[in-house]
N, C-alpha and C. Protein backbone atom coordinates (compact mmCIF):
# COMPACT_ATOMS: atom_id res chain seq x y z
N MET A 1 8.55 10.57 13.56
CA MET A 1 7.52 10.14 12.63
C MET A 1 7.15 8.69 12.95
N LYS A 2 5.86 8.42 13.03
CA LYS A 2 5.46 7.06 13.34
C LYS A 2 5.55 6.17 12.11
N LYS A 3 5.69 4.88 12.35
CA LYS A 3 5.83 3.90 11.28
C LYS A 3 4.52 3.13 11.12
N ILE A 4 4.25 2.72 9.89
CA ILE A 4 3.11 1.86 9.61
C ILE A 4 3.57 0.68 8.78
N ARG A 5 2.88 -0.44 8.93
CA ARG A 5 3.15 -1.63 8.13
C ARG A 5 1.99 -1.78 7.15
N ILE A 6 2.32 -1.83 5.86
CA ILE A 6 1.32 -1.96 4.80
C ILE A 6 1.46 -3.36 4.22
N THR A 7 0.35 -4.10 4.14
CA THR A 7 0.35 -5.45 3.60
C THR A 7 -0.64 -5.53 2.45
N LEU A 8 -0.21 -6.05 1.32
CA LEU A 8 -1.10 -6.23 0.17
C LEU A 8 -1.91 -7.50 0.39
N VAL A 9 -3.23 -7.37 0.51
CA VAL A 9 -4.07 -8.53 0.81
C VAL A 9 -4.95 -8.96 -0.37
N HIS A 10 -5.12 -8.11 -1.37
CA HIS A 10 -5.90 -8.46 -2.55
C HIS A 10 -5.07 -8.23 -3.80
N SER A 11 -5.30 -9.03 -4.79
CA SER A 11 -4.54 -8.95 -6.03
C SER A 11 -4.90 -7.69 -6.82
N PRO A 12 -3.92 -7.06 -7.46
CA PRO A 12 -4.20 -5.89 -8.28
C PRO A 12 -4.67 -6.24 -9.71
N ILE A 13 -4.91 -7.52 -9.97
CA ILE A 13 -5.40 -7.93 -11.30
C ILE A 13 -6.79 -7.31 -11.51
N ASP A 14 -7.06 -6.85 -12.70
CA ASP A 14 -8.32 -6.21 -13.08
C ASP A 14 -8.56 -4.90 -12.34
N ARG A 15 -7.51 -4.25 -11.93
CA ARG A 15 -7.61 -2.93 -11.31
C ARG A 15 -7.07 -1.90 -12.30
N PRO A 16 -7.46 -0.63 -12.15
CA PRO A 16 -6.93 0.40 -13.04
C PRO A 16 -5.40 0.50 -12.95
N GLU A 17 -4.79 0.91 -14.03
CA GLU A 17 -3.32 1.02 -14.10
C GLU A 17 -2.79 1.97 -13.03
N ARG A 18 -3.53 2.99 -12.72
CA ARG A 18 -3.09 3.97 -11.71
C ARG A 18 -2.93 3.30 -10.33
N GLN A 19 -3.85 2.41 -9.99
CA GLN A 19 -3.76 1.71 -8.71
C GLN A 19 -2.58 0.74 -8.71
N LYS A 20 -2.32 0.09 -9.84
CA LYS A 20 -1.17 -0.81 -9.94
C LYS A 20 0.13 -0.03 -9.75
N GLN A 21 0.21 1.16 -10.34
CA GLN A 21 1.41 1.98 -10.20
C GLN A 21 1.58 2.47 -8.77
N THR A 22 0.49 2.76 -8.09
CA THR A 22 0.56 3.19 -6.70
C THR A 22 1.10 2.06 -5.83
N LEU A 23 0.63 0.84 -6.05
CA LEU A 23 1.13 -0.30 -5.28
C LEU A 23 2.61 -0.53 -5.55
N LYS A 24 3.02 -0.37 -6.80
CA LYS A 24 4.43 -0.54 -7.15
C LYS A 24 5.28 0.53 -6.45
N ALA A 25 4.77 1.76 -6.39
CA ALA A 25 5.50 2.84 -5.73
C ALA A 25 5.60 2.59 -4.22
N LEU A 26 4.62 1.92 -3.65
CA LEU A 26 4.67 1.57 -2.23
C LEU A 26 5.59 0.38 -1.99
N GLY A 27 6.00 -0.31 -3.05
CA GLY A 27 6.89 -1.45 -2.92
C GLY A 27 6.15 -2.76 -2.69
N LEU A 28 4.88 -2.80 -3.04
CA LEU A 28 4.06 -3.99 -2.86
C LEU A 28 3.79 -4.63 -4.21
N ILE A 29 4.52 -5.70 -4.51
CA ILE A 29 4.39 -6.35 -5.81
C ILE A 29 3.55 -7.61 -5.70
N LYS A 30 3.85 -8.45 -4.72
CA LYS A 30 3.16 -9.73 -4.58
C LYS A 30 2.13 -9.68 -3.46
N THR A 31 1.11 -10.51 -3.57
CA THR A 31 0.10 -10.62 -2.53
C THR A 31 0.76 -11.11 -1.23
N ASN A 32 0.31 -10.59 -0.13
CA ASN A 32 0.83 -10.86 1.22
C ASN A 32 2.22 -10.26 1.45
N ALA A 33 2.69 -9.42 0.57
CA ALA A 33 3.95 -8.72 0.79
C ALA A 33 3.71 -7.57 1.78
N SER A 34 4.67 -7.35 2.69
CA SER A 34 4.55 -6.28 3.68
C SER A 34 5.71 -5.33 3.54
N ARG A 35 5.48 -4.11 4.00
CA ARG A 35 6.52 -3.09 3.97
C ARG A 35 6.28 -2.13 5.10
N GLU A 36 7.34 -1.78 5.83
CA GLU A 36 7.24 -0.78 6.89
C GLU A 36 7.75 0.55 6.35
N VAL A 37 6.92 1.58 6.48
CA VAL A 37 7.26 2.90 5.98
C VAL A 37 6.88 3.95 7.01
N SER A 38 7.45 5.13 6.88
CA SER A 38 7.06 6.25 7.73
C SER A 38 5.71 6.78 7.28
N ALA A 39 4.92 7.24 8.22
CA ALA A 39 3.56 7.71 7.93
C ALA A 39 3.59 9.18 7.53
N THR A 40 4.15 9.48 6.37
CA THR A 40 4.17 10.84 5.84
C THR A 40 2.85 11.13 5.13
N PRO A 41 2.51 12.38 4.92
CA PRO A 41 1.26 12.69 4.21
C PRO A 41 1.22 12.09 2.80
N GLN A 42 2.37 12.01 2.14
CA GLN A 42 2.41 11.45 0.79
C GLN A 42 2.08 9.96 0.81
N ILE A 43 2.67 9.24 1.75
CA ILE A 43 2.41 7.79 1.87
C ILE A 43 0.96 7.54 2.26
N LEU A 44 0.44 8.31 3.21
CA LEU A 44 -0.94 8.13 3.65
C LEU A 44 -1.92 8.41 2.51
N GLY A 45 -1.61 9.35 1.64
CA GLY A 45 -2.46 9.62 0.47
C GLY A 45 -2.44 8.45 -0.49
N MET A 46 -1.28 7.85 -0.68
CA MET A 46 -1.17 6.68 -1.57
C MET A 46 -1.95 5.51 -1.00
N VAL A 47 -1.84 5.31 0.32
CA VAL A 47 -2.56 4.22 0.98
C VAL A 47 -4.07 4.45 0.87
N ARG A 48 -4.51 5.68 0.99
CA ARG A 48 -5.94 5.98 0.89
C ARG A 48 -6.49 5.61 -0.48
N LYS A 49 -5.69 5.76 -1.52
CA LYS A 49 -6.15 5.44 -2.88
C LYS A 49 -6.30 3.94 -3.12
N VAL A 50 -5.57 3.12 -2.37
CA VAL A 50 -5.64 1.66 -2.56
C VAL A 50 -6.05 0.96 -1.27
N ASN A 51 -6.82 1.65 -0.41
CA ASN A 51 -7.15 1.08 0.90
C ASN A 51 -8.00 -0.18 0.79
N HIS A 52 -8.66 -0.41 -0.33
CA HIS A 52 -9.46 -1.62 -0.52
C HIS A 52 -8.59 -2.83 -0.87
N LEU A 53 -7.31 -2.61 -1.13
CA LEU A 53 -6.39 -3.69 -1.50
C LEU A 53 -5.36 -4.00 -0.41
N VAL A 54 -5.22 -3.12 0.55
CA VAL A 54 -4.16 -3.26 1.55
C VAL A 54 -4.72 -3.29 2.97
N LYS A 55 -3.87 -3.76 3.89
CA LYS A 55 -4.16 -3.72 5.33
C LYS A 55 -3.07 -2.87 5.96
N VAL A 56 -3.45 -1.96 6.83
CA VAL A 56 -2.50 -1.03 7.44
C VAL A 56 -2.52 -1.22 8.96
N GLU A 57 -1.31 -1.35 9.54
CA GLU A 57 -1.16 -1.49 10.99
C GLU A 57 -0.10 -0.52 11.47
N GLU A 58 -0.28 0.01 12.67
CA GLU A 58 0.77 0.84 13.27
C GLU A 58 1.82 -0.07 13.87
N VAL A 59 3.08 0.35 13.77
CA VAL A 59 4.18 -0.44 14.32
C VAL A 59 4.67 0.20 15.59
């Protein structure tokens, strides 16, 4: 399984609660926080829902 690095680049302030919960589930709490995760279909679906707030890179 390939790995991806997800970085939170925009603040979740004034965003719907669902998007805030998605970011929390991805482990992204603070701006500029990064996390390396496996690119499973579940993770990719979560990233797709908040793609306007995060930056995604392949590792």
